[in-house]
Amino acid sequence: MDMIFKLPVLLVLLFILFSLFQGMYYLAKDDGDDNSTRVVRALTVRLVLSLLLFFILMAGYFFGFLQPHGIT
């Protein structure tokens, strides 16, 4: 059960990183083109994926897949 929860979290994190680097590439490549919205689209995807990750982690805590622990 532990790996079933970790795999989607890891995949979403990888997609977030991919979208972040994609936005950085488009920012450098488009060179100030007014009609290009690829940077905004890539960063919007990153924002949506970050919110999805937040809700996955909250659901994991709510359903008992994640347990808080103290720093020892």
PDB file of N, CA and C in Angstrom:
ATOM      1  N   MET A   1       0.817  -1.191   0.000  1.00  0.00           N
ATOM      2  CA  MET A   1       0.000   0.000   0.000  1.00  0.00           C
ATOM      3  C   MET A   1       0.861   1.257   0.000  1.00  0.00           C
ATOM      4  N   ASP A   2       2.041   1.154   0.564  1.00  0.00           N
ATOM      5  CA  ASP A   2       2.918   2.305   0.669  1.00  0.00           C
ATOM      6  C   ASP A   2       3.393   2.768  -0.708  1.00  0.00           C
ATOM      7  N   MET A   3       3.760   1.837  -1.569  1.00  0.00           N
ATOM      8  CA  MET A   3       4.249   2.195  -2.900  1.00  0.00           C
ATOM      9  C   MET A   3       3.123   2.680  -3.808  1.00  0.00           C
ATOM     10  N   ILE A   4       1.903   2.207  -3.556  1.00  0.00           N
ATOM     11  CA  ILE A   4       0.756   2.657  -4.351  1.00  0.00           C
ATOM     12  C   ILE A   4       0.525   4.154  -4.138  1.00  0.00           C
ATOM     13  N   PHE A   5       0.826   4.647  -2.962  1.00  0.00           N
ATOM     14  CA  PHE A   5       0.654   6.074  -2.693  1.00  0.00           C
ATOM     15  C   PHE A   5       1.859   6.889  -3.145  1.00  0.00           C
ATOM     16  N   LYS A   6       3.056   6.343  -3.037  1.00  0.00           N
ATOM     17  CA  LYS A   6       4.261   7.097  -3.383  1.00  0.00           C
ATOM     18  C   LYS A   6       4.432   7.300  -4.882  1.00  0.00           C
ATOM     19  N   LEU A   7       4.007   6.337  -5.678  1.00  0.00           N
ATOM     20  CA  LEU A   7       4.195   6.430  -7.124  1.00  0.00           C
ATOM     21  C   LEU A   7       3.459   7.617  -7.752  1.00  0.00           C
ATOM     22  N   PRO A   8       2.160   7.832  -7.469  1.00  0.00           N
ATOM     23  CA  PRO A   8       1.514   9.022  -8.049  1.00  0.00           C
ATOM     24  C   PRO A   8       2.132  10.334  -7.580  1.00  0.00           C
ATOM     25  N   VAL A   9       2.567  10.389  -6.319  1.00  0.00           N
ATOM     26  CA  VAL A   9       3.202  11.607  -5.810  1.00  0.00           C
ATOM     27  C   VAL A   9       4.496  11.869  -6.566  1.00  0.00           C
ATOM     28  N   LEU A  10       5.275  10.840  -6.771  1.00  0.00           N
ATOM     29  CA  LEU A  10       6.528  10.986  -7.507  1.00  0.00           C
ATOM     30  C   LEU A  10       6.287  11.382  -8.960  1.00  0.00           C
ATOM     31  N   LEU A  11       5.279  10.790  -9.590  1.00  0.00           N
ATOM     32  CA  LEU A  11       4.965  11.150 -10.978  1.00  0.00           C
ATOM     33  C   LEU A  11       4.516  12.604 -11.100  1.00  0.00           C
ATOM     34  N   VAL A  12       3.687  13.050 -10.179  1.00  0.00           N
ATOM     35  CA  VAL A  12       3.236  14.449 -10.218  1.00  0.00           C
ATOM     36  C   VAL A  12       4.417  15.388  -9.999  1.00  0.00           C
ATOM     37  N   LEU A  13       5.321  15.040  -9.093  1.00  0.00           N
ATOM     38  CA  LEU A  13       6.516  15.867  -8.888  1.00  0.00           C
ATOM     39  C   LEU A  13       7.368  15.943 -10.152  1.00  0.00           C
ATOM     40  N   LEU A  14       7.516  14.823 -10.840  1.00  0.00           N
ATOM     41  CA  LEU A  14       8.295  14.824 -12.087  1.00  0.00           C
ATOM     42  C   LEU A  14       7.621  15.670 -13.161  1.00  0.00           C
ATOM     43  N   PHE A  15       6.290  15.595 -13.255  1.00  0.00           N
ATOM     44  CA  PHE A  15       5.574  16.431 -14.227  1.00  0.00           C
ATOM     45  C   PHE A  15       5.686  17.913 -13.870  1.00  0.00           C
ATOM     46  N   ILE A  16       5.704  18.234 -12.581  1.00  0.00           N
ATOM     47  CA  ILE A  16       5.878  19.628 -12.147  1.00  0.00           C
ATOM     48  C   ILE A  16       7.251  20.134 -12.582  1.00  0.00           C
ATOM     49  N   LEU A  17       8.279  19.342 -12.359  1.00  0.00           N
ATOM     50  CA  LEU A  17       9.624  19.746 -12.784  1.00  0.00           C
ATOM     51  C   LEU A  17       9.720  19.888 -14.301  1.00  0.00           C
ATOM     52  N   PHE A  18       9.108  18.963 -15.028  1.00  0.00           N
ATOM     53  CA  PHE A  18       9.120  19.043 -16.486  1.00  0.00           C
ATOM     54  C   PHE A  18       8.440  20.318 -16.966  1.00  0.00           C
ATOM     55  N   SER A  19       7.298  20.649 -16.383  1.00  0.00           N
ATOM     56  CA  SER A  19       6.577  21.856 -16.776  1.00  0.00           C
ATOM     57  C   SER A  19       7.366  23.113 -16.418  1.00  0.00           C
ATOM     58  N   LEU A  20       8.065  23.089 -15.290  1.00  0.00           N
ATOM     59  CA  LEU A  20       8.872  24.237 -14.890  1.00  0.00           C
ATOM     60  C   LEU A  20      10.014  24.472 -15.880  1.00  0.00           C
ATOM     61  N   PHE A  21      10.710  23.405 -16.251  1.00  0.00           N
ATOM     62  CA  PHE A  21      11.795  23.550 -17.216  1.00  0.00           C
ATOM     63  C   PHE A  21      11.273  23.874 -18.615  1.00  0.00           C
ATOM     64  N   GLN A  22      10.097  23.385 -18.944  1.00  0.00           N
ATOM     65  CA  GLN A  22       9.490  23.715 -20.230  1.00  0.00           C
ATOM     66  C   GLN A  22       9.180  25.212 -20.283  1.00  0.00           C
ATOM     67  N   GLY A  23       8.643  25.777 -19.210  1.00  0.00           N
ATOM     68  CA  GLY A  23       8.376  27.214 -19.157  1.00  0.00           C
ATOM     69  C   GLY A  23       9.654  28.030 -19.249  1.00  0.00           C
ATOM     70  N   MET A  24      10.720  27.550 -18.598  1.00  0.00           N
ATOM     71  CA  MET A  24      12.004  28.244 -18.672  1.00  0.00           C
ATOM     72  C   MET A  24      12.554  28.220 -20.105  1.00  0.00           C
ATOM     73  N   TYR A  25      12.405  27.091 -20.781  1.00  0.00           N
ATOM     74  CA  TYR A  25      12.861  26.976 -22.166  1.00  0.00           C
ATOM     75  C   TYR A  25      12.076  27.925 -23.069  1.00  0.00           C
ATOM     76  N   TYR A  26      10.750  27.946 -22.908  1.00  0.00           N
ATOM     77  CA  TYR A  26       9.931  28.831 -23.739  1.00  0.00           C
ATOM     78  C   TYR A  26      10.226  30.297 -23.448  1.00  0.00           C
ATOM     79  N   LEU A  27      10.550  30.611 -22.203  1.00  0.00           N
ATOM     80  CA  LEU A  27      10.879  31.985 -21.851  1.00  0.00           C
ATOM     81  C   LEU A  27      12.136  32.445 -22.586  1.00  0.00           C
ATOM     82  N   ALA A  28      13.114  31.563 -22.690  1.00  0.00           N
ATOM     83  CA  ALA A  28      14.351  31.904 -23.397  1.00  0.00           C
ATOM     84  C   ALA A  28      14.183  31.825 -24.910  1.00  0.00           C
ATOM     85  N   LYS A  29      13.355  30.921 -25.396  1.00  0.00           N
ATOM     86  CA  LYS A  29      13.240  30.663 -26.831  1.00  0.00           C
ATOM     87  C   LYS A  29      12.334  31.669 -27.540  1.00  0.00           C
ATOM     88  N   ASP A  30      11.224  32.079 -26.911  1.00  0.00           N
ATOM     89  CA  ASP A  30      10.252  32.934 -27.590  1.00  0.00           C
ATOM     90  C   ASP A  30      10.766  34.339 -27.845  1.00  0.00           C
ATOM     91  N   ASP A  31      11.685  34.814 -27.039  1.00  0.00           N
ATOM     92  CA  ASP A  31      12.385  36.081 -27.275  1.00  0.00           C
ATOM     93  C   ASP A  31      11.441  37.284 -27.395  1.00  0.00           C
ATOM     94  N   GLY A  32      10.462  37.360 -26.502  1.00  0.00           N
ATOM     95  CA  GLY A  32       9.603  38.534 -26.436  1.00  0.00           C
ATOM     96  C   GLY A  32       8.507  38.592 -27.465  1.00  0.00           C
ATOM     97  N   ASP A  33       8.121  37.499 -28.055  1.00  0.00           N
ATOM     98  CA  ASP A  33       7.040  37.478 -29.036  1.00  0.00           C
ATOM     99  C   ASP A  33       5.713  37.743 -28.328  1.00  0.00           C
ATOM    100  N   ASP A  34       4.952  38.720 -28.816  1.00  0.00           N
ATOM    101  CA  ASP A  34       3.701  39.105 -28.164  1.00  0.00           C
ATOM    102  C   ASP A  34       2.607  38.051 -28.324  1.00  0.00           C
ATOM    103  N   ASN A  35       2.614  37.304 -29.410  1.00  0.00           N
ATOM    104  CA  ASN A  35       1.556  36.341 -29.677  1.00  0.00           C
ATOM    105  C   ASN A  35       1.796  34.995 -28.993  1.00  0.00           C
ATOM    106  N   SER A  36       2.943  34.800 -28.426  1.00  0.00           N
ATOM    107  CA  SER A  36       3.268  33.511 -27.837  1.00  0.00           C
ATOM    108  C   SER A  36       2.794  33.454 -26.385  1.00  0.00           C
ATOM    109  N   THR A  37       2.005  32.438 -26.082  1.00  0.00           N
ATOM    110  CA  THR A  37       1.511  32.250 -24.717  1.00  0.00           C
ATOM    111  C   THR A  37       2.010  30.932 -24.141  1.00  0.00           C
ATOM    112  N   ARG A  38       3.069  30.386 -24.715  1.00  0.00           N
ATOM    113  CA  ARG A  38       3.554  29.083 -24.263  1.00  0.00           C
ATOM    114  C   ARG A  38       4.106  29.138 -22.849  1.00  0.00           C
ATOM    115  N   VAL A  39       4.719  30.235 -22.460  1.00  0.00           N
ATOM    116  CA  VAL A  39       5.261  30.361 -21.103  1.00  0.00           C
ATOM    117  C   VAL A  39       4.120  30.362 -20.093  1.00  0.00           C
ATOM    118  N   VAL A  40       3.092  31.135 -20.367  1.00  0.00           N
ATOM    119  CA  VAL A  40       1.950  31.215 -19.461  1.00  0.00           C
ATOM    120  C   VAL A  40       1.261  29.865 -19.358  1.00  0.00           C
ATOM    121  N   ARG A  41       1.117  29.179 -20.484  1.00  0.00           N
ATOM    122  CA  ARG A  41       0.469  27.868 -20.486  1.00  0.00           C
ATOM    123  C   ARG A  41       1.282  26.853 -19.679  1.00  0.00           C
ATOM    124  N   ALA A  42       2.604  26.855 -19.851  1.00  0.00           N
ATOM    125  CA  ALA A  42       3.458  25.914 -19.123  1.00  0.00           C
ATOM    126  C   ALA A  42       3.409  26.187 -17.619  1.00  0.00           C
ATOM    127  N   LEU A  43       3.421  27.444 -17.235  1.00  0.00           N
ATOM    128  CA  LEU A  43       3.378  27.768 -15.812  1.00  0.00           C
ATOM    129  C   LEU A  43       1.991  27.545 -15.214  1.00  0.00           C
ATOM    130  N   THR A  44       0.939  27.666 -16.026  1.00  0.00           N
ATOM    131  CA  THR A  44      -0.406  27.327 -15.566  1.00  0.00           C
ATOM    132  C   THR A  44      -0.525  25.835 -15.305  1.00  0.00           C
ATOM    133  N   VAL A  45       0.070  25.041 -16.183  1.00  0.00           N
ATOM    134  CA  VAL A  45       0.082  23.595 -15.971  1.00  0.00           C
ATOM    135  C   VAL A  45       0.829  23.261 -14.688  1.00  0.00           C
ATOM    136  N   ARG A  46       1.942  23.943 -14.446  1.00  0.00           N
ATOM    137  CA  ARG A  46       2.705  23.701 -13.225  1.00  0.00           C
ATOM    138  C   ARG A  46       1.885  24.054 -11.993  1.00  0.00           C
ATOM    139  N   LEU A  47       1.149  25.142 -12.046  1.00  0.00           N
ATOM    140  CA  LEU A  47       0.316  25.547 -10.920  1.00  0.00           C
ATOM    141  C   LEU A  47      -0.783  24.519 -10.646  1.00  0.00           C
ATOM    142  N   VAL A  48      -1.426  24.048 -11.694  1.00  0.00           N
ATOM    143  CA  VAL A  48      -2.490  23.052 -11.536  1.00  0.00           C
ATOM    144  C   VAL A  48      -1.916  21.755 -10.978  1.00  0.00           C
ATOM    145  N   LEU A  49      -0.757  21.339 -11.467  1.00  0.00           N
ATOM    146  CA  LEU A  49      -0.134  20.124 -10.950  1.00  0.00           C
ATOM    147  C   LEU A  49       0.284  20.283  -9.493  1.00  0.00           C
ATOM    148  N   SER A  50       0.734  21.467  -9.119  1.00  0.00           N
ATOM    149  CA  SER A  50       1.103  21.707  -7.723  1.00  0.00           C
ATOM    150  C   SER A  50      -0.120  21.634  -6.817  1.00  0.00           C
ATOM    151  N   LEU A  51      -1.233  22.179  -7.264  1.00  0.00           N
ATOM    152  CA  LEU A  51      -2.468  22.073  -6.490  1.00  0.00           C
ATOM    153  C   LEU A  51      -2.947  20.630  -6.403  1.00  0.00           C
ATOM    154  N   LEU A  52      -2.810  19.884  -7.497  1.00  0.00           N
ATOM    155  CA  LEU A  52      -3.163  18.467  -7.493  1.00  0.00           C
ATOM    156  C   LEU A  52      -2.315  17.703  -6.485  1.00  0.00           C
ATOM    157  N   LEU A  53      -1.019  17.985  -6.449  1.00  0.00           N
ATOM    158  CA  LEU A  53      -0.133  17.336  -5.490  1.00  0.00           C
ATOM    159  C   LEU A  53      -0.543  17.675  -4.059  1.00  0.00           C
ATOM    160  N   PHE A  54      -0.891  18.919  -3.819  1.00  0.00           N
ATOM    161  CA  PHE A  54      -1.333  19.325  -2.486  1.00  0.00           C
ATOM    162  C   PHE A  54      -2.577  18.536  -2.075  1.00  0.00           C
ATOM    163  N   PHE A  55      -3.544  18.402  -2.980  1.00  0.00           N
ATOM    164  CA  PHE A  55      -4.762  17.678  -2.651  1.00  0.00           C
ATOM    165  C   PHE A  55      -4.520  16.181  -2.499  1.00  0.00           C
ATOM    166  N   ILE A  56      -3.592  15.626  -3.265  1.00  0.00           N
ATOM    167  CA  ILE A  56      -3.226  14.217  -3.088  1.00  0.00           C
ATOM    168  C   ILE A  56      -2.623  14.000  -1.705  1.00  0.00           C
ATOM    169  N   LEU A  57      -1.736  14.888  -1.288  1.00  0.00           N
ATOM    170  CA  LEU A  57      -1.122  14.755   0.034  1.00  0.00           C
ATOM    171  C   LEU A  57      -2.149  14.951   1.156  1.00  0.00           C
ATOM    172  N   MET A  58      -3.071  15.885   0.974  1.00  0.00           N
ATOM    173  CA  MET A  58      -4.109  16.080   1.985  1.00  0.00           C
ATOM    174  C   MET A  58      -5.038  14.863   2.057  1.00  0.00           C
ATOM    175  N   ALA A  59      -5.378  14.297   0.911  1.00  0.00           N
ATOM    176  CA  ALA A  59      -6.220  13.092   0.898  1.00  0.00           C
ATOM    177  C   ALA A  59      -5.477  11.920   1.533  1.00  0.00           C
ATOM    178  N   GLY A  60      -4.186  11.821   1.296  1.00  0.00           N
ATOM    179  CA  GLY A  60      -3.399  10.767   1.915  1.00  0.00           C
ATOM    180  C   GLY A  60      -3.384  10.885   3.428  1.00  0.00           C
ATOM    181  N   TYR A  61      -3.309  12.095   3.925  1.00  0.00           N
ATOM    182  CA  TYR A  61      -3.358  12.302   5.370  1.00  0.00           C
ATOM    183  C   TYR A  61      -4.755  11.994   5.918  1.00  0.00           C
ATOM    184  N   PHE A  62      -5.784  12.445   5.187  1.00  0.00           N
ATOM    185  CA  PHE A  62      -7.160  12.257   5.643  1.00  0.00           C
ATOM    186  C   PHE A  62      -7.543  10.775   5.694  1.00  0.00           C
ATOM    187  N   PHE A  63      -7.113   9.999   4.708  1.00  0.00           N
ATOM    188  CA  PHE A  63      -7.463   8.582   4.655  1.00  0.00           C
ATOM    189  C   PHE A  63      -6.477   7.685   5.390  1.00  0.00           C
ATOM    190  N   GLY A  64      -5.454   8.269   5.991  1.00  0.00           N
ATOM    191  CA  GLY A  64      -4.556   7.501   6.833  1.00  0.00           C
ATOM    192  C   GLY A  64      -3.347   6.899   6.132  1.00  0.00           C
ATOM    193  N   PHE A  65      -3.095   7.269   4.877  1.00  0.00           N
ATOM    194  CA  PHE A  65      -1.916   6.768   4.181  1.00  0.00           C
ATOM    195  C   PHE A  65      -0.651   7.449   4.680  1.00  0.00           C
ATOM    196  N   LEU A  66      -0.782   8.683   5.116  1.00  0.00           N
ATOM    197  CA  LEU A  66       0.335   9.458   5.651  1.00  0.00           C
ATOM    198  C   LEU A  66       0.132   9.651   7.145  1.00  0.00           C
ATOM    199  N   GLN A  67       1.162   9.434   7.894  1.00  0.00           N
ATOM    200  CA  GLN A  67       1.113   9.622   9.330  1.00  0.00           C
ATOM    201  C   GLN A  67       2.143  10.680   9.717  1.00  0.00           C
ATOM    202  N   PRO A  68       1.731  11.695  10.476  1.00  0.00           N
ATOM    203  CA  PRO A  68       2.714  12.684  10.934  1.00  0.00           C
ATOM    204  C   PRO A  68       3.632  12.070  11.979  1.00  0.00           C
ATOM    205  N   HIS A  69       4.843  12.526  11.982  1.00  0.00           N
ATOM    206  CA  HIS A  69       5.800  12.040  12.969  1.00  0.00           C
ATOM    207  C   HIS A  69       6.676  13.203  13.411  1.00  0.00           C
ATOM    208  N   GLY A  70       7.206  13.087  14.604  1.00  0.00           N
ATOM    209  CA  GLY A  70       8.042  14.138  15.153  1.00  0.00           C
ATOM    210  C   GLY A  70       9.477  13.974  14.690  1.00  0.00           C
ATOM    211  N   ILE A  71      10.233  15.026  14.773  1.00  0.00           N
ATOM    212  CA  ILE A  71      11.644  14.994  14.425  1.00  0.00           C
ATOM    213  C   ILE A  71      12.417  14.537  15.654  1.00  0.00           C
ATOM    214  N   THR A  72      13.088  13.410  15.538  1.00  0.00           N
ATOM    215  CA  THR A  72      13.867  12.897  16.669  1.00  0.00           C
ATOM    216  C   THR A  72      15.276  12.618  16.263  1.00  0.00           C
TER     217      THR A  72
END
